[in-house]
Amino acid sequence: MYIDTHVHLNADQYDEDLQEVIDRALEAKVSKMVVIGFDRKTIERAMKLAKDYSFIYTVIGWHPVDAIDCTEKDLQWIEELAANDKVIGIGETGLDYYWDKSPKDIQQTLFRKQIRLAQKLKLPIIIHNREATEDVLRILKEEEAHLTGGIMHCFGGSVETAKQCIDMNFMISLGGPVTFKNAKKPKEVATEIPLEYLLIETDAPYLAPHPHRGKRNEPSLVPLVAEEIARLKGLTVEEVAIATTQNAEKFFRLND
């Protein structure tokens, strides 16, 4: 069995065939899926999916690219929704310096607010980091994010950065890029970081693994991520599947 710890089944790309996508995931032995809501529309959809399917959970927060659109009322709404047992984390939040829609200072302020919200709710925090590693690590340290811990989602950094994150009580989640032939850093992380700190994800509909790169991704492809990690570590796919599933269940307290 596999757990896709980060998927956007609430995306418009699945409007035509959502049930078929979910059925394919179950056929591929993806037993649980964590759907991420990161603005008003996607949070509402994520909450509905979690209500409609026993094996779907949700993480809710506000994406850094859209930080400029987030109000205090939005954050209060997220806090209220988080009382639902199917909400198992806050995010994805963090920093994104690739897109310039939201100024860096606004992103950083919202990032801090969501870390504090996660601490208040005693929920882990799911981190989006694009071209902002230094500031992400600094803010995590300053805000004592180790108190809740979290996940470095679709991690693309170095082994050294991964170790710093692990020291702050964060798990490292690998997705489709680890299967790309030119993905030096993710492959090094998969090789060097102990399996006990790794999770797997698709980030679907984005970042489809090889040989589906460039096409719409979906959770049924998460076994391809596990296969590449197994190859790099010299393990069986079953060993990676069992370990990453147990890691996710323990991290999110899914069996409590």
Protein backbone atom coordinates (compact mmCIF):
# COMPACT_ATOMS: atom_id res chain seq x y z
CA MET A 1 0.00 0.00 0.00
CA TYR A 2 1.05 3.59 -0.68
CA ILE A 3 0.02 6.98 0.72
CA ASP A 4 0.11 10.00 -1.57
CA THR A 5 0.91 12.68 1.01
CA HIS A 6 0.36 15.67 -1.30
CA VAL A 7 -2.15 15.74 -4.15
CA HIS A 8 -4.50 18.31 -5.65
CA LEU A 9 -7.56 16.22 -6.53
CA ASN A 10 -9.44 19.50 -6.01
CA ALA A 11 -7.83 20.99 -9.14
CA ASP A 12 -9.83 21.93 -12.23
CA GLN A 13 -7.80 19.39 -14.23
CA TYR A 14 -9.89 16.58 -12.69
CA ASP A 15 -13.34 18.09 -13.26
CA GLU A 16 -14.16 15.67 -16.08
CA ASP A 17 -12.96 12.36 -14.61
CA LEU A 18 -12.34 12.68 -10.87
CA GLN A 19 -13.96 9.36 -9.94
CA GLU A 20 -11.93 7.50 -12.56
CA VAL A 21 -8.74 9.09 -11.21
CA ILE A 22 -9.63 8.00 -7.67
CA ASP A 23 -10.50 4.48 -8.87
CA ARG A 24 -7.13 4.17 -10.65
CA ALA A 25 -5.36 5.27 -7.47
CA LEU A 26 -7.10 2.58 -5.42
CA GLU A 27 -6.30 -0.03 -8.10
CA ALA A 28 -2.64 1.01 -7.84
CA LYS A 29 -2.80 0.30 -4.07
CA VAL A 30 -2.78 3.95 -3.04
CA SER A 31 -4.74 3.44 0.16
CA LYS A 32 -4.85 7.03 1.41
CA MET A 33 -4.52 10.45 -0.19
CA VAL A 34 -3.91 13.86 1.37
CA VAL A 35 -5.57 16.63 -0.64
CA ILE A 36 -4.12 20.12 -0.25
CA GLY A 37 -6.35 23.21 -0.16
CA PHE A 38 -4.46 26.49 -0.56
CA ASP A 39 -7.10 29.16 -1.28
CA ARG A 40 -10.87 29.60 -0.84
CA LYS A 41 -11.90 27.49 -3.83
CA THR A 42 -9.46 24.62 -3.31
CA ILE A 43 -10.06 24.48 0.46
CA GLU A 44 -13.80 24.15 -0.06
CA ARG A 45 -13.25 21.37 -2.58
CA ALA A 46 -10.72 19.62 -0.34
CA MET A 47 -13.12 19.62 2.61
CA LYS A 48 -15.85 18.09 0.44
CA LEU A 49 -13.53 15.35 -0.82
CA ALA A 50 -12.49 14.51 2.75
CA LYS A 51 -16.15 14.30 3.72
CA ASP A 52 -17.13 12.14 0.74
CA TYR A 53 -14.26 9.61 0.88
CA SER A 54 -13.07 7.83 4.03
CA PHE A 55 -9.52 7.42 2.66
CA ILE A 56 -9.06 11.09 1.73
CA TYR A 57 -7.68 13.56 4.27
CA THR A 58 -6.90 17.22 3.85
CA VAL A 59 -4.33 19.87 4.65
CA ILE A 60 -5.53 23.47 4.44
CA GLY A 61 -3.70 26.77 4.33
CA TRP A 62 -2.76 29.60 1.99
CA HIS A 63 -0.21 29.36 -0.82
CA PRO A 64 2.67 31.88 -0.77
CA VAL A 65 2.16 32.87 -4.42
CA ASP A 66 -1.31 34.15 -3.45
CA ALA A 67 -0.27 35.62 -0.09
CA ILE A 68 -1.32 39.10 -1.19
CA ASP A 69 -4.95 37.88 -1.44
CA CYS A 70 -5.13 36.37 2.05
CA THR A 71 -7.07 38.26 4.73
CA GLU A 72 -7.37 37.82 8.49
CA LYS A 73 -10.90 36.56 7.81
CA ASP A 74 -9.43 33.82 5.59
CA LEU A 75 -7.05 32.72 8.33
CA GLN A 76 -9.88 32.67 10.88
CA TRP A 77 -11.92 30.52 8.48
CA ILE A 78 -9.03 28.08 8.10
CA GLU A 79 -8.72 27.86 11.88
CA GLU A 80 -12.42 27.07 12.22
CA LEU A 81 -12.31 24.39 9.52
CA ALA A 82 -9.27 22.80 11.15
CA ALA A 83 -11.50 21.58 14.00
CA ASN A 84 -12.62 18.85 11.57
CA ASP A 85 -10.88 15.53 12.28
CA LYS A 86 -10.10 15.04 8.58
CA VAL A 87 -7.90 18.17 8.58
CA ILE A 88 -4.44 16.81 9.42
CA GLY A 89 -2.13 19.73 8.70
CA ILE A 90 -1.73 23.41 7.82
CA GLY A 91 -0.43 24.38 4.38
CA GLU A 92 0.83 24.44 1.91
CA THR A 93 2.55 27.56 3.09
CA GLY A 94 6.08 28.85 2.78
CA LEU A 95 7.86 31.11 0.30
CA ASP A 96 7.94 31.26 -3.49
CA TYR A 97 10.42 33.71 -5.01
CA TYR A 98 10.00 32.35 -8.56
CA TRP A 99 6.64 34.01 -9.14
CA ASP A 100 6.37 37.69 -8.28
CA LYS A 101 2.63 38.09 -7.65
CA SER A 102 3.09 38.56 -3.89
CA PRO A 103 5.93 40.70 -2.46
CA LYS A 104 8.46 38.86 -0.32
CA ASP A 105 7.58 40.71 2.88
CA ILE A 106 3.88 39.83 2.52
CA GLN A 107 4.77 36.18 1.88
CA GLN A 108 7.01 36.10 4.94
CA THR A 109 4.39 37.66 7.20
CA LEU A 110 1.74 35.17 6.10
CA PHE A 111 4.21 32.29 6.46
CA ARG A 112 4.85 33.26 10.09
CA LYS A 113 1.13 33.57 10.79
CA GLN A 114 0.48 30.08 9.47
CA ILE A 115 3.34 28.57 11.48
CA ARG A 116 1.82 30.14 14.60
CA LEU A 117 -1.62 28.86 13.62
CA ALA A 118 -0.23 25.35 13.23
CA GLN A 119 1.34 25.61 16.67
CA LYS A 120 -1.93 26.83 18.18
CA LEU A 121 -3.83 23.94 16.57
CA LYS A 122 -1.06 21.40 17.30
CA LEU A 123 -0.95 20.39 13.64
CA PRO A 124 2.09 19.84 11.41
CA ILE A 125 2.88 22.40 8.73
CA ILE A 126 3.44 21.60 5.05
CA ILE A 127 6.11 23.74 3.40
CA HIS A 128 6.29 25.02 -0.17
CA ASN A 129 9.75 26.36 -1.00
CA ARG A 130 10.77 27.69 -4.38
CA GLU A 131 14.02 29.61 -4.72
CA ALA A 132 13.75 30.78 -1.09
CA THR A 133 15.62 28.17 0.96
CA GLU A 134 17.64 30.59 3.10
CA ASP A 135 14.59 32.59 4.19
CA VAL A 136 12.43 29.48 4.67
CA LEU A 137 14.97 27.90 7.03
CA ARG A 138 15.52 31.18 8.88
CA ILE A 139 11.81 31.74 9.49
CA LEU A 140 11.25 28.11 10.54
CA LYS A 141 14.00 28.52 13.14
CA GLU A 142 12.84 31.95 14.34
CA GLU A 143 9.25 30.73 14.71
CA GLU A 144 10.31 27.50 16.47
CA ALA A 145 8.53 25.41 13.86
CA HIS A 146 10.14 22.28 15.33
CA LEU A 147 7.42 22.39 18.00
CA THR A 148 4.87 21.11 15.49
CA GLY A 149 7.20 19.75 12.83
CA GLY A 150 6.06 19.29 9.30
CA ILE A 151 6.87 18.23 5.76
CA MET A 152 9.18 19.76 3.19
CA HIS A 153 6.87 19.12 0.25
CA CYS A 154 8.31 18.02 -3.11
CA PHE A 155 11.79 18.60 -1.74
CA GLY A 156 14.33 19.77 -4.30
CA GLY A 157 17.16 20.96 -2.11
CA SER A 158 20.53 19.52 -1.16
CA VAL A 159 21.31 16.66 1.22
CA GLU A 160 22.73 19.21 3.66
CA THR A 161 19.51 21.28 3.58
CA ALA A 162 17.47 18.10 4.05
CA LYS A 163 19.49 17.26 7.17
CA GLN A 164 18.88 20.76 8.55
CA CYS A 165 15.14 20.28 8.02
CA ILE A 166 15.20 16.85 9.70
CA ASP A 167 16.97 18.43 12.69
CA MET A 168 13.97 20.79 12.93
CA ASN A 169 11.51 17.89 13.12
CA PHE A 170 10.56 17.91 9.43
CA MET A 171 10.00 15.00 7.08
CA ILE A 172 11.35 15.06 3.52
CA SER A 173 8.77 14.33 0.81
CA LEU A 174 9.87 13.30 -2.68
CA GLY A 175 7.72 13.41 -5.79
CA GLY A 176 7.98 12.98 -9.54
CA PRO A 177 11.23 14.97 -9.99
CA VAL A 178 13.24 12.21 -8.27
CA THR A 179 12.52 10.08 -11.37
CA PHE A 180 13.83 12.69 -13.82
CA LYS A 181 17.15 11.72 -15.40
CA ASN A 182 18.75 15.13 -14.72
CA ALA A 183 17.43 15.49 -11.14
CA LYS A 184 20.77 15.33 -9.34
CA LYS A 185 19.72 16.76 -5.97
CA PRO A 186 16.51 14.72 -5.43
CA LYS A 187 18.38 11.52 -6.34
CA GLU A 188 21.17 12.38 -3.87
CA VAL A 189 18.58 13.05 -1.16
CA ALA A 190 16.79 9.78 -1.89
CA THR A 191 20.11 7.96 -1.67
CA GLU A 192 21.57 9.65 1.41
CA ILE A 193 18.60 10.43 3.69
CA PRO A 194 17.47 7.48 5.86
CA LEU A 195 14.15 5.95 4.84
CA GLU A 196 12.63 6.78 8.24
CA TYR A 197 12.57 10.48 7.26
CA LEU A 198 11.09 10.07 3.77
CA LEU A 199 7.56 10.41 2.44
CA ILE A 200 6.28 10.09 -1.12
CA GLU A 201 3.85 12.27 -3.04
CA THR A 202 2.69 13.17 -6.54
CA ASP A 203 1.77 16.88 -6.26
CA ALA A 204 -0.70 15.85 -8.98
CA PRO A 205 -1.80 17.16 -11.44
CA TYR A 206 1.73 18.61 -11.60
CA LEU A 207 5.20 17.04 -11.90
CA ALA A 208 4.27 13.66 -13.37
CA PRO A 209 7.08 11.11 -12.93
CA HIS A 210 9.05 9.60 -15.80
CA PRO A 211 7.93 8.23 -18.28
CA HIS A 212 4.81 10.45 -17.98
CA ARG A 213 6.72 13.71 -17.60
CA GLY A 214 4.85 16.65 -19.09
CA LYS A 215 1.46 14.94 -18.89
CA ARG A 216 -1.23 15.30 -16.24
CA ASN A 217 -0.11 13.59 -13.06
CA GLU A 218 -2.40 11.56 -10.79
CA PRO A 219 -2.03 9.60 -7.53
CA SER A 220 -1.95 6.22 -9.30
CA LEU A 221 1.59 7.15 -10.39
CA VAL A 222 3.02 7.50 -6.88
CA PRO A 223 4.40 3.91 -7.04
CA LEU A 224 6.85 5.17 -9.71
CA VAL A 225 8.32 7.52 -7.08
CA ALA A 226 8.70 4.60 -4.67
CA GLU A 227 10.31 2.48 -7.40
CA GLU A 228 13.01 5.09 -8.05
CA ILE A 229 13.75 5.54 -4.35
CA ALA A 230 14.01 1.74 -4.04
CA ARG A 231 16.41 1.59 -6.99
CA LEU A 232 18.61 4.33 -5.55
CA LYS A 233 18.70 2.75 -2.10
CA GLY A 234 19.10 -0.84 -3.27
CA LEU A 235 15.84 -1.86 -1.61
CA THR A 236 12.68 -3.56 -2.83
CA VAL A 237 9.68 -1.44 -3.80
CA GLU A 238 7.75 -3.24 -1.06
CA GLU A 239 10.24 -2.07 1.56
CA VAL A 240 9.89 1.55 0.43
CA ALA A 241 6.09 1.28 0.22
CA ILE A 242 5.81 -0.17 3.73
CA ALA A 243 8.24 2.32 5.28
CA THR A 244 6.80 5.46 3.66
CA THR A 245 3.25 4.36 4.47
CA GLN A 246 4.17 3.77 8.11
CA ASN A 247 6.01 7.10 8.17
CA ALA A 248 2.93 8.95 6.87
CA GLU A 249 0.53 7.16 9.23
CA LYS A 250 2.76 7.93 12.19
CA PHE A 251 3.44 11.51 11.15
CA PHE A 252 -0.22 12.38 10.52
CA ARG A 253 -1.47 10.12 13.36
CA LEU A 254 -3.85 8.45 10.92
CA ASN A 255 -4.34 5.38 13.11
CA ASP A 256 -5.07 7.22 16.37
